Amino acid sequence: NLFVLLLFVSTALGENVARDLEAVSYNVYPEATGDYSGVMAGLNNTASGDGSSVSGGEYNVASGIDASVSGGKNNIAGGHYSHVGGGETNEVEKLSLFNAASWAAIGGGKANLITS
């Protein structure tokens, strides 16, 4: 039974990496590197900010503290507490550690940019 359990766990996790309280599921090449961050689904999504999350889509990045991306493609939530709802190639820009477009949101669409 232990062998079956280990086989199931290794098969279920596959390429996914989950450390500390980070969560990763149903992904191909995800990265959840921030403390308490999570990548729920999709392809090549990254949640690097503490408390950040990416719910799905492709090539999305949530790098701000408590930032989130709900889905879409090529979206970046770089500002602290920022959110990108979806769409394609949208960005809440983070220019430096202390200069970020914080508390900003993009609901969706294509090629939208919020700078500080």
N, C-alpha and C. Protein backbone atom coordinates (compact mmCIF):
# COMPACT_ATOMS: atom_id res chain seq x y z
N ASN A 1 0.81 -1.20 0.00
CA ASN A 1 0.00 0.00 0.00
C ASN A 1 0.85 1.26 0.00
N LEU A 2 1.97 1.23 0.71
CA LEU A 2 2.86 2.38 0.73
C LEU A 2 3.43 2.65 -0.65
N PHE A 3 3.79 1.59 -1.38
CA PHE A 3 4.32 1.75 -2.73
C PHE A 3 3.28 2.40 -3.64
N VAL A 4 2.03 1.95 -3.55
CA VAL A 4 0.95 2.51 -4.36
C VAL A 4 0.75 3.98 -4.02
N LEU A 5 0.80 4.33 -2.74
CA LEU A 5 0.65 5.71 -2.32
C LEU A 5 1.79 6.57 -2.86
N LEU A 6 3.03 6.10 -2.75
CA LEU A 6 4.17 6.86 -3.27
C LEU A 6 4.09 7.00 -4.78
N LEU A 7 3.67 5.95 -5.47
CA LEU A 7 3.51 6.03 -6.92
C LEU A 7 2.45 7.05 -7.29
N PHE A 8 1.32 7.06 -6.56
CA PHE A 8 0.26 8.03 -6.82
C PHE A 8 0.75 9.46 -6.58
N VAL A 9 1.46 9.69 -5.48
CA VAL A 9 1.94 11.03 -5.16
C VAL A 9 2.93 11.50 -6.21
N SER A 10 3.88 10.66 -6.60
CA SER A 10 4.86 11.08 -7.59
C SER A 10 4.22 11.29 -8.95
N THR A 11 3.21 10.50 -9.30
CA THR A 11 2.50 10.69 -10.57
C THR A 11 1.67 11.95 -10.53
N ALA A 12 0.99 12.21 -9.42
CA ALA A 12 0.12 13.38 -9.31
C ALA A 12 0.93 14.67 -9.35
N LEU A 13 2.09 14.69 -8.72
CA LEU A 13 2.89 15.91 -8.70
C LEU A 13 3.65 16.12 -9.99
N GLY A 14 4.16 15.07 -10.60
CA GLY A 14 4.86 15.18 -11.88
C GLY A 14 5.93 16.25 -11.83
N GLU A 15 5.84 17.24 -12.72
CA GLU A 15 6.84 18.31 -12.82
C GLU A 15 6.56 19.43 -11.81
N ASN A 16 5.45 19.35 -11.11
CA ASN A 16 5.06 20.44 -10.22
C ASN A 16 5.88 20.43 -8.94
N VAL A 17 6.12 21.61 -8.42
CA VAL A 17 6.88 21.74 -7.19
C VAL A 17 6.03 22.52 -6.20
N ALA A 18 5.86 21.98 -4.99
CA ALA A 18 5.13 22.70 -3.94
C ALA A 18 5.98 22.69 -2.69
N ARG A 19 6.34 23.88 -2.17
CA ARG A 19 7.13 23.95 -0.95
C ARG A 19 6.40 24.83 0.07
N ASP A 20 6.70 24.54 1.32
CA ASP A 20 6.09 25.26 2.44
C ASP A 20 4.59 25.25 2.27
N LEU A 21 3.97 26.41 2.21
CA LEU A 21 2.52 26.49 2.05
C LEU A 21 2.14 26.94 0.65
N GLU A 22 2.97 26.63 -0.33
CA GLU A 22 2.68 27.00 -1.71
C GLU A 22 1.89 25.86 -2.35
N ALA A 23 0.94 26.20 -3.22
CA ALA A 23 0.10 25.18 -3.84
C ALA A 23 0.25 25.20 -5.35
N VAL A 24 0.35 24.01 -5.94
CA VAL A 24 0.46 23.89 -7.39
C VAL A 24 -0.37 22.69 -7.81
N SER A 25 -1.23 22.85 -8.82
CA SER A 25 -1.99 21.72 -9.31
C SER A 25 -2.36 21.91 -10.76
N TYR A 26 -2.40 20.81 -11.50
CA TYR A 26 -2.80 20.79 -12.91
C TYR A 26 -2.02 21.81 -13.75
N ASN A 27 -0.72 21.75 -13.72
CA ASN A 27 0.12 22.71 -14.43
C ASN A 27 1.18 22.02 -15.24
N VAL A 28 1.68 22.75 -16.22
CA VAL A 28 2.87 22.35 -16.94
C VAL A 28 3.90 23.45 -16.69
N TYR A 29 4.99 23.11 -16.07
CA TYR A 29 6.08 24.04 -15.74
C TYR A 29 5.62 25.27 -14.95
N PRO A 30 4.92 25.07 -13.84
CA PRO A 30 4.53 26.22 -13.01
C PRO A 30 5.65 26.58 -12.04
N GLU A 31 5.56 27.78 -11.52
CA GLU A 31 6.46 28.19 -10.45
C GLU A 31 5.66 28.94 -9.41
N ALA A 32 5.65 28.44 -8.20
CA ALA A 32 5.05 29.15 -7.07
C ALA A 32 6.17 29.34 -6.06
N THR A 33 6.88 30.44 -6.17
CA THR A 33 8.09 30.63 -5.37
C THR A 33 7.92 31.61 -4.21
N GLY A 34 6.86 32.41 -4.22
CA GLY A 34 6.63 33.33 -3.12
C GLY A 34 6.02 32.61 -1.93
N ASP A 35 6.25 33.12 -0.73
CA ASP A 35 5.62 32.53 0.45
C ASP A 35 4.11 32.63 0.32
N TYR A 36 3.41 31.54 0.62
CA TYR A 36 1.95 31.46 0.56
C TYR A 36 1.42 31.77 -0.85
N SER A 37 2.19 31.52 -1.87
CA SER A 37 1.75 31.76 -3.25
C SER A 37 1.17 30.49 -3.84
N GLY A 38 0.44 30.64 -4.96
CA GLY A 38 -0.14 29.46 -5.59
C GLY A 38 -0.36 29.63 -7.07
N VAL A 39 -0.15 28.55 -7.81
CA VAL A 39 -0.48 28.49 -9.24
C VAL A 39 -1.46 27.34 -9.38
N MET A 40 -2.69 27.64 -9.83
CA MET A 40 -3.74 26.62 -9.83
C MET A 40 -3.79 25.79 -11.10
N ALA A 41 -3.56 26.40 -12.26
CA ALA A 41 -3.68 25.66 -13.52
C ALA A 41 -2.99 26.43 -14.63
N GLY A 42 -2.84 25.80 -15.78
CA GLY A 42 -2.32 26.49 -16.95
C GLY A 42 -0.95 26.03 -17.38
N LEU A 43 -0.30 26.88 -18.18
CA LEU A 43 0.99 26.56 -18.79
C LEU A 43 1.99 27.68 -18.50
N ASN A 44 3.11 27.33 -17.89
CA ASN A 44 4.20 28.29 -17.63
C ASN A 44 3.75 29.54 -16.88
N ASN A 45 2.97 29.36 -15.84
CA ASN A 45 2.54 30.47 -14.99
C ASN A 45 3.47 30.58 -13.79
N THR A 46 3.65 31.81 -13.29
CA THR A 46 4.55 32.05 -12.18
C THR A 46 3.89 32.94 -11.13
N ALA A 47 3.94 32.52 -9.88
CA ALA A 47 3.50 33.33 -8.75
C ALA A 47 4.71 33.53 -7.85
N SER A 48 5.40 34.66 -8.01
CA SER A 48 6.64 34.88 -7.27
C SER A 48 6.51 35.86 -6.11
N GLY A 49 5.44 36.63 -6.07
CA GLY A 49 5.23 37.55 -4.95
C GLY A 49 4.64 36.82 -3.76
N ASP A 50 4.96 37.26 -2.56
CA ASP A 50 4.39 36.65 -1.37
C ASP A 50 2.87 36.80 -1.38
N GLY A 51 2.17 35.71 -1.21
CA GLY A 51 0.71 35.72 -1.21
C GLY A 51 0.09 35.87 -2.58
N SER A 52 0.86 35.75 -3.63
CA SER A 52 0.34 35.95 -4.99
C SER A 52 -0.26 34.67 -5.55
N SER A 53 -1.09 34.83 -6.60
CA SER A 53 -1.71 33.65 -7.20
C SER A 53 -1.97 33.85 -8.69
N VAL A 54 -1.90 32.75 -9.42
CA VAL A 54 -2.30 32.70 -10.82
C VAL A 54 -3.29 31.55 -10.92
N SER A 55 -4.51 31.84 -11.40
CA SER A 55 -5.56 30.83 -11.44
C SER A 55 -5.51 29.96 -12.68
N GLY A 56 -4.97 30.47 -13.79
CA GLY A 56 -4.92 29.67 -15.01
C GLY A 56 -4.35 30.46 -16.15
N GLY A 57 -4.51 29.94 -17.35
CA GLY A 57 -4.02 30.62 -18.54
C GLY A 57 -2.61 30.19 -18.90
N GLU A 58 -1.93 31.04 -19.69
CA GLU A 58 -0.59 30.73 -20.17
C GLU A 58 0.35 31.91 -19.99
N TYR A 59 1.55 31.63 -19.54
CA TYR A 59 2.62 32.62 -19.43
C TYR A 59 2.21 33.86 -18.63
N ASN A 60 1.49 33.66 -17.55
CA ASN A 60 1.07 34.74 -16.67
C ASN A 60 2.01 34.83 -15.47
N VAL A 61 2.19 36.05 -14.95
CA VAL A 61 3.09 36.27 -13.82
C VAL A 61 2.39 37.14 -12.78
N ALA A 62 2.39 36.71 -11.54
CA ALA A 62 1.93 37.53 -10.41
C ALA A 62 3.15 37.73 -9.52
N SER A 63 3.79 38.90 -9.65
CA SER A 63 5.05 39.12 -8.93
C SER A 63 4.93 40.11 -7.77
N GLY A 64 3.84 40.85 -7.69
CA GLY A 64 3.65 41.78 -6.58
C GLY A 64 3.16 41.05 -5.34
N ILE A 65 3.27 41.70 -4.20
CA ILE A 65 2.76 41.12 -2.95
C ILE A 65 1.24 41.06 -3.04
N ASP A 66 0.67 39.90 -2.76
CA ASP A 66 -0.78 39.66 -2.84
C ASP A 66 -1.35 40.01 -4.21
N ALA A 67 -0.57 39.89 -5.26
CA ALA A 67 -1.04 40.15 -6.63
C ALA A 67 -1.70 38.89 -7.18
N SER A 68 -2.58 39.08 -8.18
CA SER A 68 -3.24 37.91 -8.76
C SER A 68 -3.52 38.10 -10.24
N VAL A 69 -3.50 36.99 -10.95
CA VAL A 69 -3.91 36.94 -12.35
C VAL A 69 -4.92 35.81 -12.45
N SER A 70 -6.11 36.11 -13.00
CA SER A 70 -7.16 35.10 -13.06
C SER A 70 -7.03 34.16 -14.25
N GLY A 71 -6.40 34.61 -15.31
CA GLY A 71 -6.26 33.75 -16.49
C GLY A 71 -5.77 34.55 -17.66
N GLY A 72 -6.03 34.06 -18.85
CA GLY A 72 -5.59 34.76 -20.05
C GLY A 72 -4.21 34.33 -20.48
N LYS A 73 -3.52 35.23 -21.20
CA LYS A 73 -2.22 34.89 -21.76
C LYS A 73 -1.29 36.11 -21.69
N ASN A 74 -0.07 35.87 -21.24
CA ASN A 74 0.97 36.92 -21.17
C ASN A 74 0.57 38.12 -20.32
N ASN A 75 -0.06 37.89 -19.20
CA ASN A 75 -0.46 38.96 -18.29
C ASN A 75 0.51 39.04 -17.12
N ILE A 76 0.74 40.27 -16.62
CA ILE A 76 1.65 40.47 -15.50
C ILE A 76 0.97 41.36 -14.46
N ALA A 77 0.87 40.87 -13.23
CA ALA A 77 0.41 41.68 -12.10
C ALA A 77 1.64 41.95 -11.24
N GLY A 78 2.33 43.05 -11.54
CA GLY A 78 3.59 43.35 -10.88
C GLY A 78 3.46 44.26 -9.68
N GLY A 79 2.41 45.06 -9.63
CA GLY A 79 2.20 45.96 -8.51
C GLY A 79 1.68 45.22 -7.29
N HIS A 80 1.99 45.73 -6.12
CA HIS A 80 1.49 45.11 -4.90
C HIS A 80 -0.03 45.25 -4.83
N TYR A 81 -0.70 44.17 -4.46
CA TYR A 81 -2.16 44.11 -4.33
C TYR A 81 -2.85 44.38 -5.67
N SER A 82 -2.19 44.13 -6.78
CA SER A 82 -2.77 44.36 -8.10
C SER A 82 -3.44 43.10 -8.63
N HIS A 83 -4.29 43.28 -9.63
CA HIS A 83 -5.03 42.15 -10.21
C HIS A 83 -5.20 42.35 -11.70
N VAL A 84 -5.00 41.29 -12.46
CA VAL A 84 -5.34 41.26 -13.88
C VAL A 84 -6.37 40.15 -14.05
N GLY A 85 -7.56 40.53 -14.54
CA GLY A 85 -8.67 39.59 -14.62
C GLY A 85 -8.57 38.59 -15.75
N GLY A 86 -7.81 38.88 -16.76
CA GLY A 86 -7.70 37.97 -17.90
C GLY A 86 -7.28 38.74 -19.13
N GLY A 87 -7.65 38.26 -20.29
CA GLY A 87 -7.28 38.93 -21.52
C GLY A 87 -5.91 38.51 -21.99
N GLU A 88 -5.26 39.41 -22.75
CA GLU A 88 -3.97 39.07 -23.34
C GLU A 88 -3.01 40.26 -23.31
N THR A 89 -1.82 40.03 -22.85
CA THR A 89 -0.73 41.00 -22.81
C THR A 89 -1.12 42.27 -22.05
N ASN A 90 -1.63 42.09 -20.85
CA ASN A 90 -1.95 43.19 -19.95
C ASN A 90 -0.90 43.23 -18.84
N GLU A 91 -0.61 44.45 -18.34
CA GLU A 91 0.42 44.55 -17.30
C GLU A 91 0.13 45.67 -16.31
N VAL A 92 0.22 45.33 -15.03
CA VAL A 92 0.32 46.32 -13.97
C VAL A 92 1.80 46.34 -13.64
N GLU A 93 2.46 47.42 -14.00
CA GLU A 93 3.92 47.46 -14.02
C GLU A 93 4.54 47.67 -12.65
N LYS A 94 5.64 46.99 -12.44
CA LYS A 94 6.47 47.22 -11.27
C LYS A 94 7.81 47.72 -11.77
N LEU A 95 8.14 48.97 -11.46
CA LEU A 95 9.37 49.57 -11.96
C LEU A 95 10.57 49.29 -11.07
N SER A 96 10.36 49.24 -9.78
CA SER A 96 11.43 48.94 -8.85
C SER A 96 10.80 48.45 -7.55
N LEU A 97 11.62 48.13 -6.59
CA LEU A 97 11.11 47.59 -5.34
C LEU A 97 10.14 48.54 -4.65
N PHE A 98 10.41 49.84 -4.69
CA PHE A 98 9.58 50.81 -3.99
C PHE A 98 8.71 51.64 -4.93
N ASN A 99 8.71 51.32 -6.20
CA ASN A 99 7.95 52.09 -7.18
C ASN A 99 7.08 51.13 -7.99
N ALA A 100 5.91 50.86 -7.50
CA ALA A 100 5.02 49.91 -8.16
C ALA A 100 3.62 50.50 -8.26
N ALA A 101 2.90 50.10 -9.28
CA ALA A 101 1.50 50.51 -9.42
C ALA A 101 0.68 49.62 -8.49
N SER A 102 0.52 50.06 -7.26
CA SER A 102 -0.15 49.25 -6.25
C SER A 102 -1.66 49.49 -6.25
N TRP A 103 -2.39 48.49 -5.79
CA TRP A 103 -3.85 48.53 -5.69
C TRP A 103 -4.50 48.85 -7.05
N ALA A 104 -3.90 48.41 -8.13
CA ALA A 104 -4.44 48.65 -9.47
C ALA A 104 -5.04 47.37 -10.03
N ALA A 105 -5.99 47.52 -10.95
CA ALA A 105 -6.62 46.35 -11.55
C ALA A 105 -6.91 46.57 -13.02
N ILE A 106 -6.74 45.52 -13.80
CA ILE A 106 -7.15 45.49 -15.20
C ILE A 106 -8.15 44.36 -15.31
N GLY A 107 -9.35 44.68 -15.74
CA GLY A 107 -10.40 43.66 -15.80
C GLY A 107 -10.22 42.64 -16.90
N GLY A 108 -9.56 43.01 -17.97
CA GLY A 108 -9.36 42.11 -19.10
C GLY A 108 -8.99 42.91 -20.32
N GLY A 109 -9.28 42.38 -21.49
CA GLY A 109 -8.96 43.09 -22.73
C GLY A 109 -7.61 42.69 -23.27
N LYS A 110 -7.02 43.59 -24.06
CA LYS A 110 -5.75 43.27 -24.72
C LYS A 110 -4.83 44.50 -24.71
N ALA A 111 -3.59 44.28 -24.36
CA ALA A 111 -2.53 45.29 -24.42
C ALA A 111 -2.83 46.52 -23.56
N ASN A 112 -3.29 46.30 -22.33
CA ASN A 112 -3.50 47.39 -21.38
C ASN A 112 -2.30 47.48 -20.44
N LEU A 113 -1.95 48.71 -20.03
CA LEU A 113 -0.80 48.92 -19.17
C LEU A 113 -1.13 49.95 -18.10
N ILE A 114 -0.81 49.64 -16.86
CA ILE A 114 -0.92 50.60 -15.76
C ILE A 114 0.48 50.77 -15.20
N THR A 115 0.96 52.02 -15.17
CA THR A 115 2.27 52.31 -14.58
C THR A 115 2.07 53.17 -13.34
N SER A 116 3.11 53.26 -12.54
CA SER A 116 2.98 54.04 -11.31
C SER A 116 3.15 55.51 -11.59
